[in-house]
Amino acid sequence: MIEQKIISSLTHCPLFHRMSEMEIADALSCICHKIIPFKKHALYSIAGFEYPHADIVLNGEMTARMVSGSSGRQLEVIQFRKGDVIAPNFIFANPNVMPVTIETESEVNILRMSSRSLQQLVDSFSTIRWNFIGILSNIGAYLASKIKFISLLTIKEKVRFYLHTEALVQHSKTIVLAQSRQHLADSFAIQKFSLIRCLAELAEDGTISINGKEITILDIRKLQI
């Protein structure tokens, strides 16, 4: 019997989109799976290792990073939260090697199944099959935008785009930075001092004002790219 709290968590998973709790429970009863707990700041995976299973985050948060072997510089690639399927585009890849290192940011519980079990779900349930195709399509679109963000935009364009997006997400012209400036710089693939200098320049020209982790947008038109 699958615990109700597990089924409830899986209703947040896009793999089971448009499925009732009963339908999710019936699907999982057809395959072998288990719950794997991870402590805070634990290594979930290391870049270069095989990824032979399919995992879904039931609770908690994890961060995937790429690390430069020569400089040790880290680039934050993506965060996984409740309901996310971890690296679904690598589950059936050949070779299925994880390209990033993933670390937990809090205590995390994972629902783990084998890649063969996921294939069984995809083959047996048309809703799951189309949901999985949608997940892979969304990843392709995300990676395309991420590549553009990192490689084509200038530092100031990256910062302006981020601030404009956060204002929309937080529904406020005063946004609160959830990450440190170092983490933000890593996610932008830039140096921390470059980020700080860019924020200072935006403050000097009247685009924003800065108060610790709070940034108030004074002229949102100047954030357009």
C-alpha atoms as a PDB file:
ATOM      1  CA  MET A   1       0.000   0.000   0.000  1.00  0.00           C
ATOM      2  CA  ILE A   2       1.508   3.326  -1.084  1.00  0.00           C
ATOM      3  CA  GLU A   3       1.407   6.045   1.574  1.00  0.00           C
ATOM      4  CA  GLN A   4      -1.080   8.833   0.941  1.00  0.00           C
ATOM      5  CA  LYS A   5       1.550  11.561   1.484  1.00  0.00           C
ATOM      6  CA  ILE A   6       3.671  10.058  -1.292  1.00  0.00           C
ATOM      7  CA  ILE A   7       0.746  10.046  -3.713  1.00  0.00           C
ATOM      8  CA  SER A   8      -0.082  13.615  -2.680  1.00  0.00           C
ATOM      9  CA  SER A   9       3.493  14.703  -3.451  1.00  0.00           C
ATOM     10  CA  LEU A  10       3.355  13.020  -6.852  1.00  0.00           C
ATOM     11  CA  THR A  11       0.333  15.091  -7.858  1.00  0.00           C
ATOM     12  CA  HIS A  12       2.893  17.928  -8.215  1.00  0.00           C
ATOM     13  CA  CYS A  13       4.956  15.854 -10.658  1.00  0.00           C
ATOM     14  CA  PRO A  14       4.475  16.703 -14.359  1.00  0.00           C
ATOM     15  CA  LEU A  15       4.897  13.015 -15.196  1.00  0.00           C
ATOM     16  CA  PHE A  16       1.465  12.416 -13.599  1.00  0.00           C
ATOM     17  CA  HIS A  17      -0.216  15.581 -14.888  1.00  0.00           C
ATOM     18  CA  ARG A  18      -3.988  15.197 -15.421  1.00  0.00           C
ATOM     19  CA  MET A  19      -4.054  11.989 -13.347  1.00  0.00           C
ATOM     20  CA  SER A  20      -6.068  11.480 -10.179  1.00  0.00           C
ATOM     21  CA  GLU A  21      -4.490  10.208  -6.970  1.00  0.00           C
ATOM     22  CA  MET A  22      -6.143   6.835  -7.559  1.00  0.00           C
ATOM     23  CA  GLU A  23      -4.738   6.624 -11.091  1.00  0.00           C
ATOM     24  CA  ILE A  24      -1.240   7.508  -9.801  1.00  0.00           C
ATOM     25  CA  ALA A  25      -1.500   4.820  -7.119  1.00  0.00           C
ATOM     26  CA  ASP A  26      -2.645   2.243  -9.689  1.00  0.00           C
ATOM     27  CA  ALA A  27       0.263   3.123 -11.989  1.00  0.00           C
ATOM     28  CA  LEU A  28       2.864   2.813  -9.219  1.00  0.00           C
ATOM     29  CA  SER A  29       1.412  -0.503  -8.080  1.00  0.00           C
ATOM     30  CA  CYS A  30       2.496  -1.942 -11.428  1.00  0.00           C
ATOM     31  CA  ILE A  31       6.214  -1.258 -10.914  1.00  0.00           C
ATOM     32  CA  CYS A  32       8.959  -1.683  -8.330  1.00  0.00           C
ATOM     33  CA  HIS A  33       9.978   1.504  -6.553  1.00  0.00           C
ATOM     34  CA  LYS A  34      11.411   2.670  -3.246  1.00  0.00           C
ATOM     35  CA  ILE A  35      11.902   5.829  -1.176  1.00  0.00           C
ATOM     36  CA  ILE A  36      15.476   7.083  -0.735  1.00  0.00           C
ATOM     37  CA  PRO A  37      16.209   9.746   1.939  1.00  0.00           C
ATOM     38  CA  PHE A  38      19.083  12.249   1.637  1.00  0.00           C
ATOM     39  CA  LYS A  39      20.402  14.555   4.355  1.00  0.00           C
ATOM     40  CA  LYS A  40      21.028  18.275   3.855  1.00  0.00           C
ATOM     41  CA  HIS A  41      24.206  19.063   1.856  1.00  0.00           C
ATOM     42  CA  ALA A  42      24.498  15.439   0.730  1.00  0.00           C
ATOM     43  CA  LEU A  43      25.840  14.526  -2.704  1.00  0.00           C
ATOM     44  CA  TYR A  44      23.067  13.038  -4.807  1.00  0.00           C
ATOM     45  CA  SER A  45      25.208  12.482  -7.889  1.00  0.00           C
ATOM     46  CA  ILE A  46      28.663  13.302  -9.234  1.00  0.00           C
ATOM     47  CA  ALA A  47      29.351  14.445 -12.773  1.00  0.00           C
ATOM     48  CA  GLY A  48      30.690  11.652 -14.969  1.00  0.00           C
ATOM     49  CA  PHE A  49      28.926   8.807 -13.168  1.00  0.00           C
ATOM     50  CA  GLU A  50      26.257   6.624 -14.779  1.00  0.00           C
ATOM     51  CA  TYR A  51      22.615   7.453 -14.059  1.00  0.00           C
ATOM     52  CA  PRO A  52      20.804   4.076 -14.234  1.00  0.00           C
ATOM     53  CA  HIS A  53      17.525   5.029 -12.550  1.00  0.00           C
ATOM     54  CA  ALA A  54      14.581   7.454 -12.666  1.00  0.00           C
ATOM     55  CA  ASP A  55      14.039   9.623  -9.569  1.00  0.00           C
ATOM     56  CA  ILE A  56      11.283  12.026  -8.546  1.00  0.00           C
ATOM     57  CA  VAL A  57      11.680  14.597  -5.744  1.00  0.00           C
ATOM     58  CA  LEU A  58       8.988  14.072  -3.105  1.00  0.00           C
ATOM     59  CA  ASN A  59      10.122  16.934  -0.876  1.00  0.00           C
ATOM     60  CA  GLY A  60      13.098  19.236  -0.397  1.00  0.00           C
ATOM     61  CA  GLU A  61      15.399  20.943  -2.864  1.00  0.00           C
ATOM     62  CA  MET A  62      18.568  20.059  -4.774  1.00  0.00           C
ATOM     63  CA  THR A  63      20.924  22.071  -6.983  1.00  0.00           C
ATOM     64  CA  ALA A  64      22.767  20.853 -10.075  1.00  0.00           C
ATOM     65  CA  ARG A  65      26.109  22.476 -10.835  1.00  0.00           C
ATOM     66  CA  MET A  66      28.837  22.130 -13.433  1.00  0.00           C
ATOM     67  CA  VAL A  67      32.360  22.470 -12.054  1.00  0.00           C
ATOM     68  CA  SER A  68      35.431  23.549 -14.023  1.00  0.00           C
ATOM     69  CA  GLY A  69      38.233  21.060 -13.449  1.00  0.00           C
ATOM     70  CA  SER A  70      40.979  23.655 -13.817  1.00  0.00           C
ATOM     71  CA  SER A  71      39.619  26.609 -11.868  1.00  0.00           C
ATOM     72  CA  GLY A  72      37.033  24.948  -9.635  1.00  0.00           C
ATOM     73  CA  ARG A  73      34.498  27.556 -10.717  1.00  0.00           C
ATOM     74  CA  GLN A  74      30.889  26.408 -10.386  1.00  0.00           C
ATOM     75  CA  LEU A  75      27.993  27.141 -12.727  1.00  0.00           C
ATOM     76  CA  GLU A  76      24.543  26.589 -11.250  1.00  0.00           C
ATOM     77  CA  VAL A  77      22.524  24.827 -13.930  1.00  0.00           C
ATOM     78  CA  ILE A  78      19.136  24.062 -12.393  1.00  0.00           C
ATOM     79  CA  GLN A  79      17.325  23.453  -9.108  1.00  0.00           C
ATOM     80  CA  PHE A  80      15.118  20.443  -8.463  1.00  0.00           C
ATOM     81  CA  ARG A  81      12.122  20.806  -6.155  1.00  0.00           C
ATOM     82  CA  LYS A  82       9.044  18.863  -5.073  1.00  0.00           C
ATOM     83  CA  GLY A  83       7.547  16.974  -8.002  1.00  0.00           C
ATOM     84  CA  ASP A  84      10.528  17.320 -10.358  1.00  0.00           C
ATOM     85  CA  VAL A  85      11.808  14.351 -12.332  1.00  0.00           C
ATOM     86  CA  ILE A  86      15.598  14.469 -12.021  1.00  0.00           C
ATOM     87  CA  ALA A  87      17.492  14.700 -15.315  1.00  0.00           C
ATOM     88  CA  PRO A  88      14.790  12.946 -17.380  1.00  0.00           C
ATOM     89  CA  ASN A  89      16.689  13.623 -20.620  1.00  0.00           C
ATOM     90  CA  PHE A  90      19.572  11.410 -19.438  1.00  0.00           C
ATOM     91  CA  ILE A  91      17.566   8.411 -18.199  1.00  0.00           C
ATOM     92  CA  PHE A  92      17.517   6.751 -21.630  1.00  0.00           C
ATOM     93  CA  ALA A  93      20.611   8.456 -23.062  1.00  0.00           C
ATOM     94  CA  ASN A  94      23.486   6.433 -24.475  1.00  0.00           C
ATOM     95  CA  PRO A  95      25.697   6.699 -22.560  1.00  0.00           C
ATOM     96  CA  ASN A  96      23.458   7.703 -19.651  1.00  0.00           C
ATOM     97  CA  VAL A  97      26.135   9.652 -17.781  1.00  0.00           C
ATOM     98  CA  MET A  98      25.204  12.530 -15.477  1.00  0.00           C
ATOM     99  CA  PRO A  99      26.944  15.713 -16.728  1.00  0.00           C
ATOM    100  CA  VAL A 100      26.435  17.666 -13.498  1.00  0.00           C
ATOM    101  CA  THR A 101      27.034  17.273  -9.778  1.00  0.00           C
ATOM    102  CA  ILE A 102      23.845  17.476  -7.716  1.00  0.00           C
ATOM    103  CA  GLU A 103      23.786  18.386  -4.015  1.00  0.00           C
ATOM    104  CA  THR A 104      20.843  18.623  -1.639  1.00  0.00           C
ATOM    105  CA  GLU A 105      20.003  22.046  -0.181  1.00  0.00           C
ATOM    106  CA  SER A 106      17.738  20.529   2.485  1.00  0.00           C
ATOM    107  CA  GLU A 107      16.593  17.101   3.614  1.00  0.00           C
ATOM    108  CA  VAL A 108      15.234  15.340   0.537  1.00  0.00           C
ATOM    109  CA  ASN A 109      13.158  12.234  -0.104  1.00  0.00           C
ATOM    110  CA  ILE A 110      13.297  10.627  -3.535  1.00  0.00           C
ATOM    111  CA  LEU A 111      10.964   8.153  -5.182  1.00  0.00           C
ATOM    112  CA  ARG A 112      13.281   5.871  -7.142  1.00  0.00           C
ATOM    113  CA  MET A 113      12.441   3.463  -9.938  1.00  0.00           C
ATOM    114  CA  SER A 114      14.613   1.786 -12.553  1.00  0.00           C
ATOM    115  CA  SER A 115      14.725   3.108 -16.100  1.00  0.00           C
ATOM    116  CA  ARG A 116      12.998  -0.124 -17.129  1.00  0.00           C
ATOM    117  CA  SER A 117      10.147   0.617 -14.699  1.00  0.00           C
ATOM    118  CA  LEU A 118       9.755   4.100 -16.168  1.00  0.00           C
ATOM    119  CA  GLN A 119       9.677   2.569 -19.631  1.00  0.00           C
ATOM    120  CA  GLN A 120       6.939   0.232 -18.427  1.00  0.00           C
ATOM    121  CA  LEU A 121       4.872   3.220 -17.242  1.00  0.00           C
ATOM    122  CA  VAL A 122       5.429   5.063 -20.518  1.00  0.00           C
ATOM    123  CA  ASP A 123       4.436   1.991 -22.533  1.00  0.00           C
ATOM    124  CA  SER A 124       1.377   1.172 -20.410  1.00  0.00           C
ATOM    125  CA  PHE A 125      -0.181   4.593 -19.746  1.00  0.00           C
ATOM    126  CA  SER A 126      -0.759   7.022 -22.621  1.00  0.00           C
ATOM    127  CA  THR A 127      -1.135   9.999 -20.253  1.00  0.00           C
ATOM    128  CA  ILE A 128       2.268   9.309 -18.708  1.00  0.00           C
ATOM    129  CA  ARG A 129       3.755   8.794 -22.173  1.00  0.00           C
ATOM    130  CA  TRP A 130       2.588  12.197 -23.439  1.00  0.00           C
ATOM    131  CA  ASN A 131       3.542  13.857 -20.165  1.00  0.00           C
ATOM    132  CA  PHE A 132       7.077  12.466 -20.508  1.00  0.00           C
ATOM    133  CA  ILE A 133       7.297  13.749 -24.084  1.00  0.00           C
ATOM    134  CA  GLY A 134       6.171  17.171 -22.812  1.00  0.00           C
ATOM    135  CA  ILE A 135       8.833  17.134 -20.085  1.00  0.00           C
ATOM    136  CA  LEU A 136      11.576  16.424 -22.634  1.00  0.00           C
ATOM    137  CA  SER A 137      10.250  19.143 -24.961  1.00  0.00           C
ATOM    138  CA  ASN A 138      10.248  21.701 -22.147  1.00  0.00           C
ATOM    139  CA  ILE A 139      13.845  20.794 -21.288  1.00  0.00           C
ATOM    140  CA  GLY A 140      14.864  21.436 -24.890  1.00  0.00           C
ATOM    141  CA  ALA A 141      13.234  24.870 -24.803  1.00  0.00           C
ATOM    142  CA  TYR A 142      14.827  25.668 -21.420  1.00  0.00           C
ATOM    143  CA  LEU A 143      18.311  24.673 -22.581  1.00  0.00           C
ATOM    144  CA  ALA A 144      17.964  26.802 -25.711  1.00  0.00           C
ATOM    145  CA  SER A 145      17.069  29.865 -23.607  1.00  0.00           C
ATOM    146  CA  LYS A 146      19.852  29.059 -21.104  1.00  0.00           C
ATOM    147  CA  ILE A 147      22.448  28.862 -23.878  1.00  0.00           C
ATOM    148  CA  LYS A 148      21.268  32.216 -25.243  1.00  0.00           C
ATOM    149  CA  PHE A 149      21.343  33.725 -21.759  1.00  0.00           C
ATOM    150  CA  ILE A 150      24.877  32.549 -21.017  1.00  0.00           C
ATOM    151  CA  SER A 151      26.563  32.958 -24.385  1.00  0.00           C
ATOM    152  CA  LEU A 152      24.778  35.749 -26.267  1.00  0.00           C
ATOM    153  CA  LEU A 153      23.740  38.336 -23.681  1.00  0.00           C
ATOM    154  CA  THR A 154      26.122  40.866 -22.174  1.00  0.00           C
ATOM    155  CA  ILE A 155      26.576  40.996 -18.389  1.00  0.00           C
ATOM    156  CA  LYS A 156      24.297  44.008 -18.079  1.00  0.00           C
ATOM    157  CA  GLU A 157      21.647  42.369 -20.278  1.00  0.00           C
ATOM    158  CA  LYS A 158      21.730  39.245 -18.085  1.00  0.00           C
ATOM    159  CA  VAL A 159      21.244  41.293 -14.920  1.00  0.00           C
ATOM    160  CA  ARG A 160      18.491  43.435 -16.428  1.00  0.00           C
ATOM    161  CA  PHE A 161      16.675  40.352 -17.737  1.00  0.00           C
ATOM    162  CA  TYR A 162      16.932  38.658 -14.329  1.00  0.00           C
ATOM    163  CA  LEU A 163      15.595  41.683 -12.435  1.00  0.00           C
ATOM    164  CA  HIS A 164      12.734  42.159 -14.884  1.00  0.00           C
ATOM    165  CA  THR A 165      11.789  38.469 -14.643  1.00  0.00           C
ATOM    166  CA  GLU A 166      11.932  38.463 -10.816  1.00  0.00           C
ATOM    167  CA  ALA A 167       9.676  41.532 -10.671  1.00  0.00           C
ATOM    168  CA  LEU A 168       7.073  39.610 -12.681  1.00  0.00           C
ATOM    169  CA  VAL A 169       7.489  36.434 -10.618  1.00  0.00           C
ATOM    170  CA  GLN A 170       7.336  38.243  -7.252  1.00  0.00           C
ATOM    171  CA  HIS A 171       4.569  40.613  -8.426  1.00  0.00           C
ATOM    172  CA  SER A 172       6.437  43.587  -6.998  1.00  0.00           C
ATOM    173  CA  LYS A 173       8.878  46.275  -8.034  1.00  0.00           C
ATOM    174  CA  THR A 174      10.748  45.534  -4.808  1.00  0.00           C
ATOM    175  CA  ILE A 175      12.278  42.106  -5.204  1.00  0.00           C
ATOM    176  CA  VAL A 176      14.048  40.018  -2.600  1.00  0.00           C
ATOM    177  CA  LEU A 177      17.109  38.080  -3.730  1.00  0.00           C
ATOM    178  CA  ALA A 178      16.705  34.464  -2.650  1.00  0.00           C
ATOM    179  CA  GLN A 179      20.338  33.699  -3.447  1.00  0.00           C
ATOM    180  CA  SER A 180      23.655  35.219  -2.483  1.00  0.00           C
ATOM    181  CA  ARG A 181      25.430  37.422  -4.999  1.00  0.00           C
ATOM    182  CA  GLN A 182      27.993  34.662  -5.480  1.00  0.00           C
ATOM    183  CA  HIS A 183      25.273  32.164  -6.392  1.00  0.00           C
ATOM    184  CA  LEU A 184      23.705  34.661  -8.775  1.00  0.00           C
ATOM    185  CA  ALA A 185      27.041  35.332 -10.428  1.00  0.00           C
ATOM    186  CA  ASP A 186      27.623  31.586 -10.824  1.00  0.00           C
ATOM    187  CA  SER A 187      24.207  31.124 -12.446  1.00  0.00           C
ATOM    188  CA  PHE A 188      25.032  33.963 -14.868  1.00  0.00           C
ATOM    189  CA  ALA A 189      28.469  32.428 -15.605  1.00  0.00           C
ATOM    190  CA  ILE A 190      30.160  35.685 -14.578  1.00  0.00           C
ATOM    191  CA  GLN A 191      32.494  36.816 -11.786  1.00  0.00           C
ATOM    192  CA  LYS A 192      30.965  38.110  -8.540  1.00  0.00           C
ATOM    193  CA  PHE A 193      32.700  41.496  -8.834  1.00  0.00           C
ATOM    194  CA  SER A 194      31.232  41.910 -12.349  1.00  0.00           C
ATOM    195  CA  LEU A 195      27.732  41.371 -10.953  1.00  0.00           C
ATOM    196  CA  ILE A 196      28.313  43.841  -8.101  1.00  0.00           C
ATOM    197  CA  ARG A 197      29.697  46.448 -10.506  1.00  0.00           C
ATOM    198  CA  CYS A 198      26.736  46.015 -12.848  1.00  0.00           C
ATOM    199  CA  LEU A 199      24.226  46.424  -9.999  1.00  0.00           C
ATOM    200  CA  ALA A 200      26.088  49.552  -8.867  1.00  0.00           C
ATOM    201  CA  GLU A 201      25.916  51.012 -12.379  1.00  0.00           C
ATOM    202  CA  LEU A 202      22.167  50.336 -12.572  1.00  0.00           C
ATOM    203  CA  ALA A 203      21.757  52.077  -9.216  1.00  0.00           C
ATOM    204  CA  GLU A 204      23.837  55.058 -10.350  1.00  0.00           C
ATOM    205  CA  ASP A 205      21.755  55.626 -13.495  1.00  0.00           C
ATOM    206  CA  GLY A 206      18.491  55.517 -11.533  1.00  0.00           C
ATOM    207  CA  THR A 207      17.250  52.129 -12.747  1.00  0.00           C
ATOM    208  CA  ILE A 208      17.242  50.481  -9.309  1.00  0.00           C
ATOM    209  CA  SER A 209      17.980  51.132  -5.649  1.00  0.00           C
ATOM    210  CA  ILE A 210      19.700  48.533  -3.466  1.00  0.00           C
ATOM    211  CA  ASN A 211      19.165  47.794   0.209  1.00  0.00           C
ATOM    212  CA  GLY A 212      20.936  44.544   1.115  1.00  0.00           C
ATOM    213  CA  LYS A 213      19.018  41.697  -0.502  1.00  0.00           C
ATOM    214  CA  GLU A 214      16.160  44.008  -1.474  1.00  0.00           C
ATOM    215  CA  ILE A 215      16.298  45.659  -4.884  1.00  0.00           C
ATOM    216  CA  THR A 216      13.671  48.225  -5.839  1.00  0.00           C
ATOM    217  CA  ILE A 217      13.076  48.864  -9.526  1.00  0.00           C
ATOM    218  CA  LEU A 218      12.743  52.604 -10.099  1.00  0.00           C
ATOM    219  CA  ASP A 219      12.420  52.566 -13.889  1.00  0.00           C
ATOM    220  CA  ILE A 220      11.342  49.214 -15.299  1.00  0.00           C
ATOM    221  CA  ARG A 221      11.616  50.513 -18.866  1.00  0.00           C
ATOM    222  CA  LYS A 222      15.397  50.562 -18.503  1.00  0.00           C
ATOM    223  CA  LEU A 223      15.370  46.819 -17.803  1.00  0.00           C
ATOM    224  CA  GLN A 224      14.040  45.967 -21.262  1.00  0.00           C
ATOM    225  CA  ILE A 225      16.557  44.135 -23.474  1.00  0.00           C
END
